[in-house]
Amino acid sequence: MADLSKHPCFNAEARLQFGRIHLPVAPACNVQCKFCDRKYSCVNESRPGVTASVMTPAQAMVHLDQVVSQRSDISVVGIAGPGDPFANTEATLATLKLVHDKYPNMLLCIATNGLCLSENIERLAELNVSHVTVTMNGINPDIVKNIYTWVRLGDRYFTGIEAAKILIARQIEAIKALVEHGIIAKVNTIIIPGVNDNHIQEVSKQVAAWGADIQNCIPLMPVAGTPFGVLEQPAPSLIHKIREQAGKCLPQMAHCSRCRADACGLLSEKNTQVRAAV
């Protein structure tokens, strides 16, 4: 049985001993965040949405086999983009199945916006996915509408307050379902100055009430060319204040390295992007 204490993102004590590998099999996304640009990759850049390449499930397994043969500290296999795992459901589930069958003791982890998570939780449970991260940047539609350009369900695109209400409702449903299925739930919340920074404690209170296990309040990383690229990064004092307030509601992760979609190794390693030999 997999040791749940070996996840470096959910367990601060594990981060210096155990590493993770992200398999970039999910290029498409079903929301457009105003802070995200997935169009390019710089080898010196570490942030979500960045990958040197996109892999098929088969290529991902070749890559995983190579990494596992070279290092013994990988305890977690995750899928975190560069888009959303459930805008690429077939590839995501196929990859998880391959990893589960070959490495049954490896922790399986997903990071998603939660829009299309609920309908896939039964399958995740069957595959023994133990940890899921849902990025939830607000619970007030009047705030959330300012964070996303659009939300896509099937072939339909939604914007503004309608998009915000849809996303929030489905995120709430997903978090509650994760808890019901015994899957460890982490909520990521991006700290966006002037947009949601005064709202995050309310998010913390609610996700704690729904049963989430931990929250990660992540400072915005402005990306040039995006609508939020002109904003300033949150000041350290603001980050500390928000985490302190949120910590009154549920445990906080304060050691996040804002991983690439193809990250590999310990969180403490300077450049954890590994070139795939596929």
Protein backbone atom coordinates (compact mmCIF):
# COMPACT_ATOMS: atom_id res chain seq x y z
CA MET A 1 0.00 0.00 0.00
CA ALA A 2 1.27 3.48 -0.86
CA ASP A 3 2.54 5.58 2.03
CA LEU A 4 0.47 8.78 2.05
CA SER A 5 3.12 10.53 4.14
CA LYS A 6 5.52 10.49 1.17
CA HIS A 7 3.82 13.28 -0.81
CA PRO A 8 6.17 16.31 -0.74
CA CYS A 9 3.43 18.83 -1.54
CA PHE A 10 0.94 17.67 1.07
CA ASN A 11 3.54 16.84 3.74
CA ALA A 12 6.20 19.45 4.45
CA GLU A 13 8.45 16.93 6.20
CA ALA A 14 8.56 14.77 3.04
CA ARG A 15 9.80 17.46 0.67
CA LEU A 16 13.51 17.00 1.40
CA GLN A 17 13.38 13.24 1.03
CA PHE A 18 10.77 12.41 -1.59
CA GLY A 19 10.25 13.82 -5.06
CA ARG A 20 7.54 13.96 -7.71
CA ILE A 21 7.30 13.70 -11.44
CA HIS A 22 4.67 15.45 -13.53
CA LEU A 23 3.69 13.82 -16.80
CA PRO A 24 2.60 16.53 -19.31
CA VAL A 25 -0.14 14.65 -21.15
CA ALA A 26 -2.88 17.30 -20.85
CA PRO A 27 -2.31 20.27 -23.20
CA ALA A 28 -5.89 21.54 -23.64
CA CYS A 29 -7.69 23.66 -21.05
CA ASN A 30 -11.36 24.32 -20.35
CA VAL A 31 -10.93 27.71 -18.71
CA GLN A 32 -8.86 30.77 -19.59
CA CYS A 33 -7.30 32.28 -16.50
CA LYS A 34 -6.19 35.88 -16.82
CA PHE A 35 -2.79 35.03 -15.34
CA CYS A 36 -1.97 32.04 -17.57
CA ASP A 37 -0.08 31.68 -20.85
CA ARG A 38 0.69 28.16 -22.06
CA LYS A 39 2.10 29.16 -25.45
CA TYR A 40 5.79 28.99 -24.68
CA SER A 41 8.35 27.33 -22.46
CA CYS A 42 11.62 28.66 -21.12
CA VAL A 43 13.94 26.09 -19.55
CA ASN A 44 14.74 28.53 -16.75
CA GLU A 45 11.09 29.22 -15.96
CA SER A 46 9.24 27.36 -13.23
CA ARG A 47 5.50 27.92 -13.16
CA PRO A 48 2.32 25.98 -13.91
CA GLY A 49 1.40 25.76 -17.58
CA VAL A 50 4.99 25.42 -18.78
CA THR A 51 6.37 22.25 -20.37
CA ALA A 52 9.17 21.49 -22.79
CA SER A 53 6.95 19.00 -24.63
CA VAL A 54 3.57 17.31 -24.54
CA MET A 55 3.57 13.52 -24.27
CA THR A 56 1.20 10.73 -25.17
CA PRO A 57 0.42 8.24 -22.38
CA ALA A 58 2.86 5.76 -23.93
CA GLN A 59 5.62 8.37 -24.16
CA ALA A 60 4.93 9.41 -20.58
CA MET A 61 5.52 5.84 -19.42
CA VAL A 62 8.83 5.62 -21.27
CA HIS A 63 9.84 8.86 -19.58
CA LEU A 64 8.69 7.64 -16.17
CA ASP A 65 10.57 4.35 -16.57
CA GLN A 66 13.73 6.25 -17.42
CA VAL A 67 13.43 8.56 -14.41
CA VAL A 68 12.62 5.77 -11.98
CA SER A 69 15.64 3.81 -13.23
CA GLN A 70 17.88 6.80 -12.45
CA ARG A 71 16.60 7.87 -9.05
CA SER A 72 14.89 6.15 -6.13
CA ASP A 73 13.30 9.17 -4.45
CA ILE A 74 10.28 9.58 -6.75
CA SER A 75 7.19 8.79 -4.69
CA VAL A 76 4.51 10.71 -6.61
CA VAL A 77 3.35 10.72 -10.22
CA GLY A 78 1.17 13.71 -11.01
CA ILE A 79 -0.69 15.16 -13.95
CA ALA A 80 -0.85 18.94 -13.79
CA GLY A 81 -1.24 20.15 -17.33
CA PRO A 82 0.05 22.11 -19.07
CA GLY A 83 -3.72 22.52 -19.48
CA ASP A 84 -6.32 20.80 -17.33
CA PRO A 85 -6.34 17.01 -16.85
CA PHE A 86 -10.09 16.85 -17.46
CA ALA A 87 -10.02 18.87 -20.63
CA ASN A 88 -7.91 15.86 -21.71
CA THR A 89 -9.80 13.15 -19.87
CA GLU A 90 -8.95 10.21 -22.13
CA ALA A 91 -5.19 10.83 -22.03
CA THR A 92 -5.26 11.57 -18.31
CA LEU A 93 -7.11 8.40 -17.32
CA ALA A 94 -5.07 6.25 -19.73
CA THR A 95 -1.84 7.55 -18.22
CA LEU A 96 -3.03 6.99 -14.66
CA LYS A 97 -4.07 3.43 -15.56
CA LEU A 98 -0.65 2.66 -17.03
CA VAL A 99 1.15 4.04 -13.98
CA HIS A 100 -1.20 2.30 -11.54
CA ASP A 101 -0.70 -1.07 -13.23
CA LYS A 102 3.10 -0.88 -13.41
CA TYR A 103 3.86 1.06 -10.21
CA PRO A 104 1.06 0.16 -7.78
CA ASN A 105 2.87 1.68 -4.78
CA MET A 106 3.39 5.05 -6.44
CA LEU A 107 1.20 7.88 -5.19
CA LEU A 108 -1.03 9.27 -7.93
CA CYS A 109 -1.88 12.97 -7.91
CA ILE A 110 -3.99 15.33 -10.02
CA ALA A 111 -4.05 19.14 -10.16
CA THR A 112 -7.15 20.62 -11.79
CA ASN A 113 -9.39 23.67 -11.90
CA GLY A 114 -12.24 21.38 -10.85
CA LEU A 115 -14.62 22.26 -13.66
CA CYS A 116 -14.96 18.68 -14.94
CA LEU A 117 -13.63 16.82 -11.93
CA SER A 118 -16.83 15.48 -10.34
CA GLU A 119 -17.78 13.20 -13.22
CA ASN A 120 -14.36 11.54 -13.06
CA ILE A 121 -13.94 11.02 -9.31
CA GLU A 122 -15.32 7.46 -9.34
CA ARG A 123 -12.67 6.50 -11.89
CA LEU A 124 -9.94 8.27 -9.91
CA ALA A 125 -10.96 6.32 -6.83
CA GLU A 126 -10.81 3.05 -8.79
CA LEU A 127 -7.26 3.92 -9.85
CA ASN A 128 -6.29 4.72 -6.23
CA VAL A 129 -5.57 8.38 -6.95
CA SER A 130 -4.85 9.54 -3.42
CA HIS A 131 -4.32 13.30 -3.73
CA VAL A 132 -6.17 15.92 -5.78
CA THR A 133 -5.52 19.66 -5.90
CA VAL A 134 -8.33 21.99 -6.97
CA THR A 135 -7.46 25.58 -7.83
CA MET A 136 -10.24 27.73 -6.39
CA ASN A 137 -9.64 31.46 -6.48
CA GLY A 138 -12.94 32.63 -5.02
CA ILE A 139 -16.44 31.67 -3.97
CA ASN A 140 -18.08 35.02 -4.81
CA PRO A 141 -19.11 35.18 -8.49
CA ASP A 142 -18.61 38.96 -8.55
CA ILE A 143 -14.94 38.38 -7.74
CA VAL A 144 -14.38 35.19 -9.72
CA LYS A 145 -15.78 36.74 -12.93
CA ASN A 146 -12.75 39.06 -12.96
CA ILE A 147 -10.23 36.18 -12.85
CA TYR A 148 -11.34 34.17 -15.90
CA THR A 149 -11.83 35.27 -19.51
CA TRP A 150 -14.04 32.28 -20.28
CA VAL A 151 -15.14 28.83 -19.10
CA ARG A 152 -15.91 26.01 -21.54
CA LEU A 153 -18.30 23.10 -20.93
CA GLY A 154 -18.45 20.78 -23.91
CA ASP A 155 -18.74 23.03 -26.95
CA ARG A 156 -20.24 25.99 -25.07
CA TYR A 157 -18.25 28.96 -23.85
CA PHE A 158 -19.41 31.07 -20.92
CA THR A 159 -18.16 34.45 -19.75
CA GLY A 160 -18.70 36.93 -16.96
CA ILE A 161 -20.95 36.18 -14.01
CA GLU A 162 -22.44 33.09 -15.69
CA ALA A 163 -19.01 31.54 -16.14
CA ALA A 164 -18.11 32.31 -12.54
CA LYS A 165 -21.28 30.72 -11.15
CA ILE A 166 -20.77 27.57 -13.22
CA LEU A 167 -17.14 27.18 -12.19
CA ILE A 168 -17.78 27.79 -8.48
CA ALA A 169 -20.72 25.38 -8.34
CA ARG A 170 -18.76 22.61 -10.00
CA GLN A 171 -15.72 23.21 -7.80
CA ILE A 172 -17.87 22.95 -4.67
CA GLU A 173 -19.42 19.73 -5.94
CA ALA A 174 -15.97 18.31 -6.72
CA ILE A 175 -14.40 19.14 -3.37
CA LYS A 176 -17.29 17.57 -1.48
CA ALA A 177 -17.11 14.47 -3.69
CA LEU A 178 -13.37 14.09 -3.11
CA VAL A 179 -13.98 14.11 0.63
CA GLU A 180 -16.80 11.56 0.29
CA HIS A 181 -14.48 9.23 -1.62
CA GLY A 182 -11.65 9.54 0.89
CA ILE A 183 -9.33 11.34 -1.53
CA ILE A 184 -7.06 13.91 0.10
CA ALA A 185 -8.08 17.36 -1.14
CA LYS A 186 -5.83 20.40 -1.40
CA VAL A 187 -7.18 23.77 -2.52
CA ASN A 188 -4.83 26.13 -4.34
CA THR A 189 -5.77 29.80 -4.21
CA ILE A 190 -3.84 32.38 -6.22
CA ILE A 191 -3.28 35.64 -4.33
CA ILE A 192 -4.13 38.36 -6.85
CA PRO A 193 -3.63 41.87 -5.42
CA GLY A 194 -6.65 44.10 -5.86
CA VAL A 195 -8.77 41.23 -7.15
CA ASN A 196 -9.23 38.51 -4.52
CA ASP A 197 -6.70 39.29 -1.78
CA ASN A 198 -9.43 40.46 0.64
CA HIS A 199 -11.57 37.42 -0.11
CA ILE A 200 -9.23 34.50 0.52
CA GLN A 201 -10.04 33.96 4.18
CA GLU A 202 -13.67 33.45 3.19
CA VAL A 203 -12.52 30.83 0.67
CA SER A 204 -10.53 29.14 3.43
CA LYS A 205 -13.53 29.04 5.77
CA GLN A 206 -15.76 27.49 3.14
CA VAL A 207 -13.38 24.85 1.78
CA ALA A 208 -12.59 23.84 5.37
CA ALA A 209 -16.32 23.43 6.01
CA TRP A 210 -16.58 21.23 2.92
CA GLY A 211 -13.82 18.98 4.28
CA ALA A 212 -10.69 20.03 2.37
CA ASP A 213 -7.48 18.88 4.04
CA ILE A 214 -5.05 21.69 3.22
CA GLN A 215 -4.79 24.99 1.34
CA ASN A 216 -1.99 26.51 -0.67
CA CYS A 217 -2.20 30.31 -0.99
CA ILE A 218 0.10 31.02 -3.93
CA PRO A 219 1.32 34.51 -4.84
CA LEU A 220 0.48 35.64 -8.35
CA MET A 221 3.34 35.31 -10.82
CA PRO A 222 2.63 38.02 -13.43
CA VAL A 223 3.18 36.66 -16.94
CA ALA A 224 3.87 39.17 -19.71
CA GLY A 225 1.14 39.33 -22.34
CA THR A 226 -1.66 38.17 -20.04
CA PRO A 227 -4.34 40.49 -18.61
CA PHE A 228 -2.78 40.17 -15.15
CA GLY A 229 0.75 40.54 -16.49
CA VAL A 230 0.69 44.23 -15.55
CA LEU A 231 -0.03 43.54 -11.88
CA GLU A 232 2.63 43.53 -9.20
CA GLN A 233 3.52 40.36 -7.34
CA PRO A 234 1.99 40.27 -3.86
CA ALA A 235 4.29 41.73 -1.21
CA PRO A 236 5.74 39.23 1.28
CA SER A 237 3.84 41.00 4.07
CA LEU A 238 0.54 40.43 2.25
CA ILE A 239 1.34 36.78 1.60
CA HIS A 240 2.21 36.26 5.28
CA LYS A 241 -0.97 38.01 6.41
CA ILE A 242 -3.21 35.97 4.12
CA ARG A 243 -1.61 32.67 5.07
CA GLU A 244 -1.89 33.54 8.75
CA GLN A 245 -5.59 34.35 8.37
CA ALA A 246 -6.27 31.28 6.24
CA GLY A 247 -4.34 29.10 8.67
CA LYS A 248 -6.99 29.74 11.29
CA CYS A 249 -9.37 27.74 9.11
CA LEU A 250 -7.26 24.85 7.82
CA PRO A 251 -3.60 23.80 7.46
CA GLN A 252 -1.51 25.81 5.01
CA MET A 253 1.16 24.72 2.55
CA ALA A 254 3.96 27.28 2.58
CA HIS A 255 6.67 25.44 0.64
CA CYS A 256 5.13 25.42 -2.85
CA SER A 257 7.62 25.71 -5.72
CA ARG A 258 4.99 26.55 -8.37
CA CYS A 259 5.93 23.49 -10.41
CA ARG A 260 6.12 23.18 -14.15
CA ALA A 261 3.86 20.69 -15.89
CA ASP A 262 6.95 18.54 -16.54
CA ALA A 263 8.63 18.98 -13.15
CA CYS A 264 10.71 16.13 -11.77
CA GLY A 265 12.65 15.64 -8.55
CA LEU A 266 12.67 17.22 -5.12
CA LEU A 267 10.85 20.49 -4.59
CA SER A 268 14.12 21.95 -3.34
CA GLU A 269 16.04 21.25 -6.54
CA LYS A 270 16.77 24.41 -8.50
CA ASN A 271 15.73 23.16 -11.93
CA THR A 272 13.44 20.18 -11.77
CA GLN A 273 12.48 20.02 -15.41
CA VAL A 274 13.87 16.82 -16.93
CA ARG A 275 14.18 16.36 -20.67
CA ALA A 276 12.19 13.34 -21.79
CA ALA A 277 14.00 10.67 -23.79
CA VAL A 278 11.01 9.55 -25.86
